[in-house]
Amino acid sequence: LLHFGVSNPMFVLVSGLAELLLGMSIFMGWFPRAAVLVLLGIFFGTTTIFGMEEFIGHAACYSSILSIALWGVAVPAPTFAKKLSQTVLSKLNSAKLVLVRC
């Protein structure tokens, strides 16, 4: 994207943020199939630029993306995310009680 005035470090930052947001979208269960299709487009684009090393490096991501795109999420992600957040919050609350008692 140097032709559009985007430096290499900015490209890496924007790509990383896009992957993070799309990954969180999948994790939270917000349109997982749409998110993986966008991720597939990003990974396909970078693979055409960087070659076979990029494909091998992201092979696990490709398999996860394709399985979610084809079959959807097997376990409802919002339920998992809700249980995880409840567990973390309960641990934080018990840590606060310990700090208050000291």
C-alpha atoms as a PDB file:
ATOM      1  CA  LEU A   1       0.000   0.000   0.000  1.00  0.00           C
ATOM      2  CA  LEU A   2       2.979   2.291  -0.395  1.00  0.00           C
ATOM      3  CA  HIS A   3       1.328   3.743  -3.517  1.00  0.00           C
ATOM      4  CA  PHE A   4      -1.549   4.952  -1.330  1.00  0.00           C
ATOM      5  CA  GLY A   5       0.731   6.643   1.206  1.00  0.00           C
ATOM      6  CA  VAL A   6       0.517   3.875   3.817  1.00  0.00           C
ATOM      7  CA  SER A   7       3.876   2.993   5.336  1.00  0.00           C
ATOM      8  CA  ASN A   8       4.874  -0.584   6.099  1.00  0.00           C
ATOM      9  CA  PRO A   9       4.570  -0.163   9.905  1.00  0.00           C
ATOM     10  CA  MET A  10       1.114   1.399   9.500  1.00  0.00           C
ATOM     11  CA  PHE A  11       0.051  -1.462   7.208  1.00  0.00           C
ATOM     12  CA  VAL A  12       1.143  -3.999   9.837  1.00  0.00           C
ATOM     13  CA  LEU A  13      -0.715  -2.090  12.573  1.00  0.00           C
ATOM     14  CA  VAL A  14      -3.934  -1.762  10.572  1.00  0.00           C
ATOM     15  CA  SER A  15      -3.801  -5.417   9.471  1.00  0.00           C
ATOM     16  CA  GLY A  16      -3.230  -6.557  13.042  1.00  0.00           C
ATOM     17  CA  LEU A  17      -6.107  -4.465  14.348  1.00  0.00           C
ATOM     18  CA  ALA A  18      -8.412  -5.751  11.618  1.00  0.00           C
ATOM     19  CA  GLU A  19      -7.485  -9.356  12.451  1.00  0.00           C
ATOM     20  CA  LEU A  20      -7.988  -8.674  16.167  1.00  0.00           C
ATOM     21  CA  LEU A  21     -11.431  -7.131  15.639  1.00  0.00           C
ATOM     22  CA  LEU A  22     -12.522  -9.924  13.328  1.00  0.00           C
ATOM     23  CA  GLY A  23     -11.199 -12.523  15.777  1.00  0.00           C
ATOM     24  CA  MET A  24     -13.144 -10.897  18.617  1.00  0.00           C
ATOM     25  CA  SER A  25     -16.218 -10.870  16.391  1.00  0.00           C
ATOM     26  CA  ILE A  26     -15.852 -14.623  15.891  1.00  0.00           C
ATOM     27  CA  PHE A  27     -15.170 -15.212  19.595  1.00  0.00           C
ATOM     28  CA  MET A  28     -18.200 -13.221  20.684  1.00  0.00           C
ATOM     29  CA  GLY A  29     -20.399 -14.852  18.039  1.00  0.00           C
ATOM     30  CA  TRP A  30     -21.208 -11.665  16.131  1.00  0.00           C
ATOM     31  CA  PHE A  31     -21.672 -12.752  12.507  1.00  0.00           C
ATOM     32  CA  PRO A  32     -18.934 -15.420  12.593  1.00  0.00           C
ATOM     33  CA  ARG A  33     -19.391 -16.532   8.996  1.00  0.00           C
ATOM     34  CA  ALA A  34     -19.188 -12.979   7.677  1.00  0.00           C
ATOM     35  CA  ALA A  35     -16.090 -12.341   9.805  1.00  0.00           C
ATOM     36  CA  VAL A  36     -14.304 -15.461   8.561  1.00  0.00           C
ATOM     37  CA  LEU A  37     -15.083 -14.585   4.964  1.00  0.00           C
ATOM     38  CA  VAL A  38     -13.471 -11.167   5.471  1.00  0.00           C
ATOM     39  CA  LEU A  39     -10.500 -12.852   7.178  1.00  0.00           C
ATOM     40  CA  LEU A  40     -10.245 -15.302   4.299  1.00  0.00           C
ATOM     41  CA  GLY A  41     -10.050 -12.352   1.905  1.00  0.00           C
ATOM     42  CA  ILE A  42      -7.314 -10.697   3.981  1.00  0.00           C
ATOM     43  CA  PHE A  43      -5.292 -13.917   4.258  1.00  0.00           C
ATOM     44  CA  PHE A  44      -5.732 -14.705   0.569  1.00  0.00           C
ATOM     45  CA  GLY A  45      -4.563 -11.191  -0.324  1.00  0.00           C
ATOM     46  CA  THR A  46      -1.452 -11.422   1.831  1.00  0.00           C
ATOM     47  CA  THR A  47      -0.704 -14.917   0.517  1.00  0.00           C
ATOM     48  CA  THR A  48      -0.734 -13.651  -3.065  1.00  0.00           C
ATOM     49  CA  ILE A  49       1.723 -10.931  -2.055  1.00  0.00           C
ATOM     50  CA  PHE A  50       4.072 -12.858   0.252  1.00  0.00           C
ATOM     51  CA  GLY A  51       3.883 -16.349  -1.250  1.00  0.00           C
ATOM     52  CA  MET A  52       4.084 -19.866   0.087  1.00  0.00           C
ATOM     53  CA  GLU A  53       5.729 -18.889   3.401  1.00  0.00           C
ATOM     54  CA  GLU A  54       2.644 -16.845   4.277  1.00  0.00           C
ATOM     55  CA  PHE A  55       0.366 -19.760   3.390  1.00  0.00           C
ATOM     56  CA  ILE A  56       2.361 -22.213   5.501  1.00  0.00           C
ATOM     57  CA  GLY A  57       2.521 -19.753   8.393  1.00  0.00           C
ATOM     58  CA  HIS A  58      -1.243 -19.275   8.381  1.00  0.00           C
ATOM     59  CA  ALA A  59      -2.244 -22.873   7.578  1.00  0.00           C
ATOM     60  CA  ALA A  60      -3.915 -23.333  10.969  1.00  0.00           C
ATOM     61  CA  CYS A  61      -5.819 -20.085  10.473  1.00  0.00           C
ATOM     62  CA  TYR A  62      -6.965 -21.206   7.025  1.00  0.00           C
ATOM     63  CA  SER A  63      -8.292 -24.488   8.407  1.00  0.00           C
ATOM     64  CA  SER A  64     -10.178 -22.715  11.206  1.00  0.00           C
ATOM     65  CA  ILE A  65     -11.558 -20.126   8.814  1.00  0.00           C
ATOM     66  CA  LEU A  66     -12.750 -22.746   6.361  1.00  0.00           C
ATOM     67  CA  SER A  67     -14.359 -24.922   9.042  1.00  0.00           C
ATOM     68  CA  ILE A  68     -16.296 -21.954  10.481  1.00  0.00           C
ATOM     69  CA  ALA A  69     -17.282 -20.783   7.001  1.00  0.00           C
ATOM     70  CA  LEU A  70     -18.559 -24.226   6.041  1.00  0.00           C
ATOM     71  CA  TRP A  71     -20.122 -25.482   9.265  1.00  0.00           C
ATOM     72  CA  GLY A  72     -20.520 -22.420  11.480  1.00  0.00           C
ATOM     73  CA  VAL A  73     -19.660 -22.429  15.151  1.00  0.00           C
ATOM     74  CA  ALA A  74     -20.308 -25.759  16.850  1.00  0.00           C
ATOM     75  CA  VAL A  75     -20.631 -24.307  20.373  1.00  0.00           C
ATOM     76  CA  PRO A  76     -22.547 -21.053  20.711  1.00  0.00           C
ATOM     77  CA  ALA A  77     -19.748 -18.551  21.188  1.00  0.00           C
ATOM     78  CA  PRO A  78     -21.829 -16.069  23.219  1.00  0.00           C
ATOM     79  CA  THR A  79     -22.490 -18.791  25.789  1.00  0.00           C
ATOM     80  CA  PHE A  80     -18.786 -19.603  26.024  1.00  0.00           C
ATOM     81  CA  ALA A  81     -17.845 -15.920  26.173  1.00  0.00           C
ATOM     82  CA  LYS A  82     -20.484 -15.311  28.841  1.00  0.00           C
ATOM     83  CA  LYS A  83     -19.210 -18.191  30.993  1.00  0.00           C
ATOM     84  CA  LEU A  84     -15.629 -17.045  30.551  1.00  0.00           C
ATOM     85  CA  SER A  85     -16.445 -13.452  31.488  1.00  0.00           C
ATOM     86  CA  GLN A  86     -18.451 -14.614  34.532  1.00  0.00           C
ATOM     87  CA  THR A  87     -15.529 -16.745  35.700  1.00  0.00           C
ATOM     88  CA  VAL A  88     -13.035 -13.915  35.257  1.00  0.00           C
ATOM     89  CA  LEU A  89     -15.299 -11.408  36.997  1.00  0.00           C
ATOM     90  CA  SER A  90     -15.936 -13.755  39.916  1.00  0.00           C
ATOM     91  CA  LYS A  91     -12.168 -14.241  40.345  1.00  0.00           C
ATOM     92  CA  LEU A  92     -11.656 -10.482  40.246  1.00  0.00           C
ATOM     93  CA  ASN A  93     -14.407  -9.929  42.806  1.00  0.00           C
ATOM     94  CA  SER A  94     -12.916 -12.514  45.170  1.00  0.00           C
ATOM     95  CA  ALA A  95      -9.510 -10.861  44.735  1.00  0.00           C
ATOM     96  CA  LYS A  96     -11.068  -7.513  45.720  1.00  0.00           C
ATOM     97  CA  LEU A  97     -12.506  -9.087  48.871  1.00  0.00           C
ATOM     98  CA  VAL A  98      -9.096 -10.444  49.817  1.00  0.00           C
ATOM     99  CA  LEU A  99      -7.512  -7.034  49.279  1.00  0.00           C
ATOM    100  CA  VAL A 100     -10.183  -5.326  51.380  1.00  0.00           C
ATOM    101  CA  ARG A 101      -9.738  -7.799  54.256  1.00  0.00           C
ATOM    102  CA  CYS A 102      -5.999  -7.197  54.445  1.00  0.00           C
END
